[in-house]
PDB file of N, CA and C in Angstrom:
ATOM      1  N   MET A   1     -85.215-116.857 -56.489  1.00  0.00           N
ATOM      2  CA  MET A   1     -85.655-115.778 -56.429  1.00  0.00           C
ATOM      3  C   MET A   1     -85.708-114.436 -57.243  1.00  0.00           C
ATOM      4  N   LEU A   2     -84.134-113.946 -56.859  1.00  0.00           N
ATOM      5  CA  LEU A   2     -83.968-113.490 -58.175  1.00  0.00           C
ATOM      6  C   LEU A   2     -83.810-113.569 -59.459  1.00  0.00           C
ATOM      7  N   GLU A   3     -83.651-114.691 -59.656  1.00  0.00           N
ATOM      8  CA  GLU A   3     -83.546-115.003 -61.393  1.00  0.00           C
ATOM      9  C   GLU A   3     -84.844-114.640 -61.744  1.00  0.00           C
ATOM     10  N   ARG A   4     -85.869-113.951 -61.470  1.00  0.00           N
ATOM     11  CA  ARG A   4     -87.128-114.315 -61.760  1.00  0.00           C
ATOM     12  C   ARG A   4     -87.623-112.341 -61.973  1.00  0.00           C
ATOM     13  N   VAL A   5     -86.600-111.789 -61.437  1.00  0.00           N
ATOM     14  CA  VAL A   5     -86.342-110.481 -61.732  1.00  0.00           C
ATOM     15  C   VAL A   5     -86.261-110.166 -63.266  1.00  0.00           C
ATOM     16  N   ASP A   6     -87.199-109.319 -63.566  1.00  0.00           N
ATOM     17  CA  ASP A   6     -86.869-108.328 -65.132  1.00  0.00           C
ATOM     18  C   ASP A   6     -86.662-106.939 -64.955  1.00  0.00           C
ATOM     19  N   PRO A   7     -85.674-106.603 -65.754  1.00  0.00           N
ATOM     20  CA  PRO A   7     -85.393-104.958 -64.978  1.00  0.00           C
ATOM     21  C   PRO A   7     -86.509-104.633 -66.062  1.00  0.00           C
ATOM     22  N   TYR A   8     -87.132-104.317 -67.334  1.00  0.00           N
ATOM     23  CA  TYR A   8     -88.056-104.073 -67.733  1.00  0.00           C
ATOM     24  C   TYR A   8     -89.678-104.546 -67.457  1.00  0.00           C
ATOM     25  N   GLY A   9     -90.225-105.465 -66.549  1.00  0.00           N
ATOM     26  CA  GLY A   9     -91.182-106.055 -66.287  1.00  0.00           C
ATOM     27  C   GLY A   9     -91.272-105.691 -64.766  1.00  0.00           C
ATOM     28  N   ASP A  10     -92.029-106.084 -64.033  1.00  0.00           N
ATOM     29  CA  ASP A  10     -92.633-105.791 -63.015  1.00  0.00           C
ATOM     30  C   ASP A  10     -92.953-107.739 -62.349  1.00  0.00           C
ATOM     31  N   LEU A  11     -93.074-107.944 -60.781  1.00  0.00           N
ATOM     32  CA  LEU A  11     -92.525-108.865 -60.406  1.00  0.00           C
ATOM     33  C   LEU A  11     -93.177-108.408 -58.935  1.00  0.00           C
ATOM     34  N   ILE A  12     -94.275-109.577 -58.964  1.00  0.00           N
ATOM     35  CA  ILE A  12     -95.400-109.479 -57.512  1.00  0.00           C
ATOM     36  C   ILE A  12     -94.711-110.844 -56.670  1.00  0.00           C
ATOM     37  N   LEU A  13     -94.239-110.544 -55.429  1.00  0.00           N
ATOM     38  CA  LEU A  13     -93.748-111.768 -54.439  1.00  0.00           C
ATOM     39  C   LEU A  13     -94.884-111.463 -53.384  1.00  0.00           C
ATOM     40  N   THR A  14     -95.074-112.969 -53.127  1.00  0.00           N
ATOM     41  CA  THR A  14     -95.500-112.990 -51.916  1.00  0.00           C
ATOM     42  C   THR A  14     -95.342-112.949 -50.731  1.00  0.00           C
ATOM     43  N   SER A  15     -96.003-113.366 -49.175  1.00  0.00           N
ATOM     44  CA  SER A  15     -95.312-112.926 -48.096  1.00  0.00           C
ATOM     45  C   SER A  15     -94.617-114.307 -48.019  1.00  0.00           C
ATOM     46  N   GLU A  16     -95.259-115.837 -48.409  1.00  0.00           N
ATOM     47  CA  GLU A  16     -94.726-116.695 -48.538  1.00  0.00           C
ATOM     48  C   GLU A  16     -93.332-117.140 -49.188  1.00  0.00           C
ATOM     49  N   GLU A  17     -92.965-116.291 -50.465  1.00  0.00           N
ATOM     50  CA  GLU A  17     -91.800-116.195 -51.297  1.00  0.00           C
ATOM     51  C   GLU A  17     -90.846-115.180 -50.195  1.00  0.00           C
ATOM     52  N   MET A  18     -90.889-114.727 -48.945  1.00  0.00           N
ATOM     53  CA  MET A  18     -89.810-113.959 -48.364  1.00  0.00           C
ATOM     54  C   MET A  18     -88.729-114.604 -47.908  1.00  0.00           C
ATOM     55  N   PRO A  19     -89.171-115.903 -47.601  1.00  0.00           N
ATOM     56  CA  PRO A  19     -87.758-116.266 -46.956  1.00  0.00           C
ATOM     57  C   PRO A  19     -86.776-116.487 -47.479  1.00  0.00           C
ATOM     58  N   GLN A  20     -86.790-117.220 -48.941  1.00  0.00           N
ATOM     59  CA  GLN A  20     -86.236-117.453 -49.652  1.00  0.00           C
ATOM     60  C   GLN A  20     -85.943-116.075 -50.504  1.00  0.00           C
ATOM     61  N   PHE A  21     -86.348-114.936 -50.437  1.00  0.00           N
ATOM     62  CA  PHE A  21     -86.029-113.506 -51.222  1.00  0.00           C
ATOM     63  C   PHE A  21     -85.450-113.332 -50.078  1.00  0.00           C
ATOM     64  N   LEU A  22     -85.323-112.846 -48.831  1.00  0.00           N
ATOM     65  CA  LEU A  22     -84.339-112.411 -48.277  1.00  0.00           C
ATOM     66  C   LEU A  22     -82.881-113.168 -47.995  1.00  0.00           C
ATOM     67  N   ALA A  23     -82.973-114.587 -47.807  1.00  0.00           N
ATOM     68  CA  ALA A  23     -81.577-115.423 -48.321  1.00  0.00           C
ATOM     69  C   ALA A  23     -81.110-114.855 -48.999  1.00  0.00           C
ATOM     70  N   GLU A  24     -81.570-114.387 -50.309  1.00  0.00           N
ATOM     71  CA  GLU A  24     -81.011-114.097 -51.616  1.00  0.00           C
ATOM     72  C   GLU A  24     -80.490-112.681 -51.726  1.00  0.00           C
ATOM     73  N   LEU A  25     -81.368-112.126 -50.852  1.00  0.00           N
ATOM     74  CA  LEU A  25     -80.942-110.429 -50.653  1.00  0.00           C
ATOM     75  C   LEU A  25     -79.370-110.352 -49.489  1.00  0.00           C
ATOM     76  N   ASP A  26     -79.834-111.045 -48.688  1.00  0.00           N
ATOM     77  CA  ASP A  26     -78.667-111.422 -47.646  1.00  0.00           C
ATOM     78  C   ASP A  26     -77.587-111.929 -48.444  1.00  0.00           C
ATOM     79  N   TYR A  27     -77.528-112.708 -49.055  1.00  0.00           N
ATOM     80  CA  TYR A  27     -76.071-113.375 -50.332  1.00  0.00           C
ATOM     81  C   TYR A  27     -75.424-112.127 -51.021  1.00  0.00           C
ATOM     82  N   LEU A  28     -76.654-111.006 -51.690  1.00  0.00           N
ATOM     83  CA  LEU A  28     -76.183-110.031 -52.388  1.00  0.00           C
ATOM     84  C   LEU A  28     -75.575-108.988 -51.499  1.00  0.00           C
ATOM     85  N   ALA A  29     -76.079-108.861 -50.337  1.00  0.00           N
ATOM     86  CA  ALA A  29     -75.763-108.214 -49.670  1.00  0.00           C
ATOM     87  C   ALA A  29     -74.142-108.080 -49.789  1.00  0.00           C
ATOM     88  N   GLY A  30     -73.734-109.547 -49.325  1.00  0.00           N
ATOM     89  CA  GLY A  30     -72.103-109.714 -48.923  1.00  0.00           C
ATOM     90  C   GLY A  30     -71.358-109.471 -50.332  1.00  0.00           C
ATOM     91  N   LEU A  31     -71.880-109.633 -51.355  1.00  0.00           N
ATOM     92  CA  LEU A  31     -71.097-108.974 -53.193  1.00  0.00           C
ATOM     93  C   LEU A  31     -70.966-107.571 -52.964  1.00  0.00           C
ATOM     94  N   ALA A  32     -72.339-106.839 -52.256  1.00  0.00           N
ATOM     95  CA  ALA A  32     -72.598-105.529 -52.342  1.00  0.00           C
ATOM     96  C   ALA A  32     -70.874-104.620 -52.052  1.00  0.00           C
ATOM     97  N   GLU A  33     -70.339-103.519 -52.629  1.00  0.00           N
ATOM     98  CA  GLU A  33     -69.674-102.952 -53.037  1.00  0.00           C
ATOM     99  C   GLU A  33     -69.384-101.151 -52.378  1.00  0.00           C
ATOM    100  N   THR A  34     -70.547-100.743 -52.424  1.00  0.00           N
ATOM    101  CA  THR A  34     -70.760 -99.782 -52.170  1.00  0.00           C
ATOM    102  C   THR A  34     -71.770 -98.934 -51.086  1.00  0.00           C
ATOM    103  N   ALA A  35     -71.482 -98.463 -50.155  1.00  0.00           N
ATOM    104  CA  ALA A  35     -72.210 -97.847 -49.154  1.00  0.00           C
ATOM    105  C   ALA A  35     -73.792 -98.102 -49.902  1.00  0.00           C
ATOM    106  N   GLY A  36     -73.871 -97.286 -51.181  1.00  0.00           N
ATOM    107  CA  GLY A  36     -75.348 -97.140 -51.631  1.00  0.00           C
ATOM    108  C   GLY A  36     -75.807 -98.877 -51.964  1.00  0.00           C
ATOM    109  N   GLU A  37     -75.002 -99.591 -52.023  1.00  0.00           N
ATOM    110  CA  GLU A  37     -75.693-100.365 -52.992  1.00  0.00           C
ATOM    111  C   GLU A  37     -75.957-101.651 -51.214  1.00  0.00           C
ATOM    112  N   HIS A  38     -75.304-101.154 -50.574  1.00  0.00           N
ATOM    113  CA  HIS A  38     -75.344-101.781 -49.363  1.00  0.00           C
ATOM    114  C   HIS A  38     -77.074-101.266 -48.178  1.00  0.00           C
ATOM    115  N   ASP A  39     -77.322 -99.880 -48.448  1.00  0.00           N
ATOM    116  CA  ASP A  39     -78.391 -99.421 -48.249  1.00  0.00           C
ATOM    117  C   ASP A  39     -79.634 -99.767 -48.946  1.00  0.00           C
ATOM    118  N   VAL A  40     -79.600 -99.780 -50.347  1.00  0.00           N
ATOM    119  CA  VAL A  40     -80.924-100.623 -51.392  1.00  0.00           C
ATOM    120  C   VAL A  40     -81.321-101.577 -50.719  1.00  0.00           C
ATOM    121  N   LEU A  41     -79.903-102.476 -50.506  1.00  0.00           N
ATOM    122  CA  LEU A  41     -80.252-104.195 -50.479  1.00  0.00           C
ATOM    123  C   LEU A  41     -80.644-103.907 -48.600  1.00  0.00           C
ATOM    124  N   ALA A  42     -80.533-102.857 -47.916  1.00  0.00           N
ATOM    125  CA  ALA A  42     -81.095-103.137 -46.703  1.00  0.00           C
ATOM    126  C   ALA A  42     -82.518-102.384 -46.843  1.00  0.00           C
ATOM    127  N   ASN A  43     -82.764-101.503 -47.388  1.00  0.00           N
ATOM    128  CA  ASN A  43     -84.524-101.407 -47.138  1.00  0.00           C
ATOM    129  C   ASN A  43     -84.898-102.100 -48.217  1.00  0.00           C
ATOM    130  N   VAL A  44     -84.504-102.825 -49.177  1.00  0.00           N
ATOM    131  CA  VAL A  44     -85.628-103.738 -50.166  1.00  0.00           C
ATOM    132  C   VAL A  44     -85.792-105.494 -48.577  1.00  0.00           C
ATOM    133  N   ALA A  45     -84.566-105.422 -48.146  1.00  0.00           N
ATOM    134  CA  ALA A  45     -84.731-106.481 -46.988  1.00  0.00           C
ATOM    135  C   ALA A  45     -85.738-105.943 -45.990  1.00  0.00           C
ATOM    136  N   ARG A  46     -85.945-105.049 -45.304  1.00  0.00           N
ATOM    137  CA  ARG A  46     -86.625-104.514 -44.798  1.00  0.00           C
ATOM    138  C   ARG A  46     -87.827-104.607 -44.481  1.00  0.00           C
ATOM    139  N   LEU A  47     -88.512-104.312 -46.156  1.00  0.00           N
ATOM    140  CA  LEU A  47     -89.511-104.114 -46.603  1.00  0.00           C
ATOM    141  C   LEU A  47     -90.232-105.706 -46.541  1.00  0.00           C
ATOM    142  N   ALA A  48     -89.026-106.391 -47.066  1.00  0.00           N
ATOM    143  CA  ALA A  48     -89.490-107.768 -47.634  1.00  0.00           C
ATOM    144  C   ALA A  48     -89.555-108.640 -45.991  1.00  0.00           C
ATOM    145  N   ALA A  49     -89.326-108.614 -44.911  1.00  0.00           N
ATOM    146  CA  ALA A  49     -89.226-108.891 -43.499  1.00  0.00           C
ATOM    147  C   ALA A  49     -90.726-108.376 -43.282  1.00  0.00           C
ATOM    148  N   ILE A  50     -90.822-107.348 -43.892  1.00  0.00           N
ATOM    149  CA  ILE A  50     -92.512-106.570 -42.953  1.00  0.00           C
ATOM    150  C   ILE A  50     -93.406-107.843 -43.834  1.00  0.00           C
ATOM    151  N   CYS A  51     -93.281-107.942 -44.932  1.00  0.00           N
ATOM    152  CA  CYS A  51     -94.100-108.634 -46.051  1.00  0.00           C
ATOM    153  C   CYS A  51     -93.951-110.097 -45.796  1.00  0.00           C
ATOM    154  N   ARG A  52     -93.333-110.572 -44.997  1.00  0.00           N
ATOM    155  CA  ARG A  52     -93.207-111.816 -44.798  1.00  0.00           C
ATOM    156  C   ARG A  52     -94.054-112.208 -43.300  1.00  0.00           C
ATOM    157  N   GLU A  53     -94.277-111.508 -42.531  1.00  0.00           N
ATOM    158  CA  GLU A  53     -94.860-111.610 -41.359  1.00  0.00           C
ATOM    159  C   GLU A  53     -96.323-111.232 -41.643  1.00  0.00           C
ATOM    160  N   ASP A  54     -96.779-110.605 -42.951  1.00  0.00           N
ATOM    161  CA  ASP A  54     -98.025-110.687 -42.739  1.00  0.00           C
ATOM    162  C   ASP A  54     -98.329-111.186 -44.255  1.00  0.00           C
ATOM    163  N   ALA A  55     -99.475-111.993 -43.896  1.00  0.00           N
ATOM    164  CA  ALA A  55     -99.750-113.346 -45.645  1.00  0.00           C
ATOM    165  C   ALA A  55    -100.476-112.433 -46.355  1.00  0.00           C
ATOM    166  N   VAL A  56    -100.887-111.303 -46.356  1.00  0.00           N
ATOM    167  CA  VAL A  56    -101.835-110.263 -47.095  1.00  0.00           C
ATOM    168  C   VAL A  56    -100.900-109.243 -47.960  1.00  0.00           C
ATOM    169  N   LEU A  57     -99.476-109.100 -47.291  1.00  0.00           N
ATOM    170  CA  LEU A  57     -99.060-108.317 -48.039  1.00  0.00           C
ATOM    171  C   LEU A  57     -98.296-108.630 -48.951  1.00  0.00           C
ATOM    172  N   GLU A  58     -97.130-107.952 -50.293  1.00  0.00           N
ATOM    173  CA  GLU A  58     -97.310-108.354 -50.974  1.00  0.00           C
ATOM    174  C   GLU A  58     -95.771-107.524 -51.489  1.00  0.00           C
ATOM    175  N   LEU A  59     -95.075-107.964 -52.141  1.00  0.00           N
ATOM    176  CA  LEU A  59     -93.883-107.011 -52.515  1.00  0.00           C
ATOM    177  C   LEU A  59     -93.709-106.362 -54.457  1.00  0.00           C
ATOM    178  N   HIS A  60     -93.944-105.751 -54.481  1.00  0.00           N
ATOM    179  CA  HIS A  60     -93.931-105.292 -55.893  1.00  0.00           C
ATOM    180  C   HIS A  60     -92.890-104.575 -56.128  1.00  0.00           C
ATOM    181  N   LEU A  61     -91.910-105.446 -57.654  1.00  0.00           N
ATOM    182  CA  LEU A  61     -90.679-104.937 -57.867  1.00  0.00           C
ATOM    183  C   LEU A  61     -91.363-104.601 -59.142  1.00  0.00           C
ATOM    184  N   VAL A  62     -91.271-103.272 -59.309  1.00  0.00           N
ATOM    185  CA  VAL A  62     -91.518-102.318 -61.199  1.00  0.00           C
ATOM    186  C   VAL A  62     -90.447-102.279 -61.724  1.00  0.00           C
ATOM    187  N   GLY A  63     -90.588-102.654 -63.097  1.00  0.00           N
ATOM    188  CA  GLY A  63     -89.335-102.972 -63.845  1.00  0.00           C
ATOM    189  C   GLY A  63     -89.803-101.647 -64.461  1.00  0.00           C
ATOM    190  N   ASP A  64     -88.529-101.192 -65.164  1.00  0.00           N
ATOM    191  CA  ASP A  64     -88.118 -99.718 -65.812  1.00  0.00           C
ATOM    192  C   ASP A  64     -89.661 -99.337 -66.764  1.00  0.00           C
TER     193      ASP A  64
END
Protein backbone atom coordinates (compact mmCIF):
# COMPACT_ATOMS: atom_id res chain seq x y z
CA MET A 1 0.00 0.00 0.00
CA LEU A 2 2.74 2.45 0.95
CA GLU A 3 4.50 1.88 -2.37
CA ARG A 4 1.56 3.70 -3.99
CA VAL A 5 2.29 6.90 -2.03
CA ASP A 6 3.72 9.66 -4.22
CA PRO A 7 5.21 12.59 -2.28
CA TYR A 8 4.16 14.92 -5.10
CA GLY A 9 0.74 13.45 -5.86
CA ASP A 10 -2.43 12.62 -4.01
CA LEU A 11 -3.64 9.18 -2.96
CA ILE A 12 -7.10 8.24 -1.73
CA LEU A 13 -7.46 5.05 0.29
CA THR A 14 -10.79 3.44 1.09
CA SER A 15 -11.87 1.74 4.28
CA GLU A 16 -11.34 -1.63 2.56
CA GLU A 17 -7.64 -0.82 2.16
CA MET A 18 -7.13 0.14 5.80
CA PRO A 19 -6.20 -3.31 7.23
CA GLN A 20 -3.18 -3.55 4.90
CA PHE A 21 -2.34 0.13 5.35
CA LEU A 22 -2.44 -0.23 9.15
CA ALA A 23 -0.20 -3.30 9.01
CA GLU A 24 2.33 -1.38 6.94
CA LEU A 25 2.17 1.59 9.31
CA ASP A 26 2.80 -0.77 12.21
CA TYR A 27 5.90 -2.10 10.43
CA LEU A 28 7.12 1.45 9.83
CA ALA A 29 6.58 2.32 13.48
CA GLY A 30 9.11 -0.36 14.32
CA LEU A 31 11.64 1.42 12.10
CA ALA A 32 10.94 4.93 13.40
CA GLU A 33 13.88 6.46 15.20
CA THR A 34 12.55 9.68 16.71
CA ALA A 35 9.61 10.62 18.89
CA GLY A 36 8.37 12.86 16.08
CA GLU A 37 8.34 9.96 13.63
CA HIS A 38 6.45 7.81 16.13
CA ASP A 39 3.93 10.61 16.72
CA VAL A 40 3.23 11.12 13.01
CA LEU A 41 2.78 7.40 12.41
CA ALA A 42 0.54 7.05 15.47
CA ASN A 43 -1.68 9.93 14.32
CA VAL A 44 -2.00 8.53 10.79
CA ALA A 45 -2.77 5.09 12.24
CA ARG A 46 -5.46 6.62 14.46
CA LEU A 47 -7.15 8.19 11.42
CA ALA A 48 -6.78 4.97 9.44
CA ALA A 49 -8.43 2.99 12.24
CA ILE A 50 -11.40 5.36 12.21
CA CYS A 51 -11.63 5.03 8.43
CA ARG A 52 -11.49 1.23 8.66
CA GLU A 53 -14.65 1.23 10.80
CA ASP A 54 -16.83 3.26 8.41
CA ALA A 55 -17.19 2.23 4.76
CA VAL A 56 -18.07 5.74 3.61
CA LEU A 57 -14.83 7.25 4.91
CA GLU A 58 -11.64 7.63 2.88
CA LEU A 59 -8.13 8.56 3.90
CA HIS A 60 -6.66 11.25 1.64
CA LEU A 61 -2.88 11.53 1.48
CA VAL A 62 -2.08 14.86 -0.17
CA GLY A 63 1.34 15.34 -1.76
CA ASP A 64 3.39 18.49 -1.96
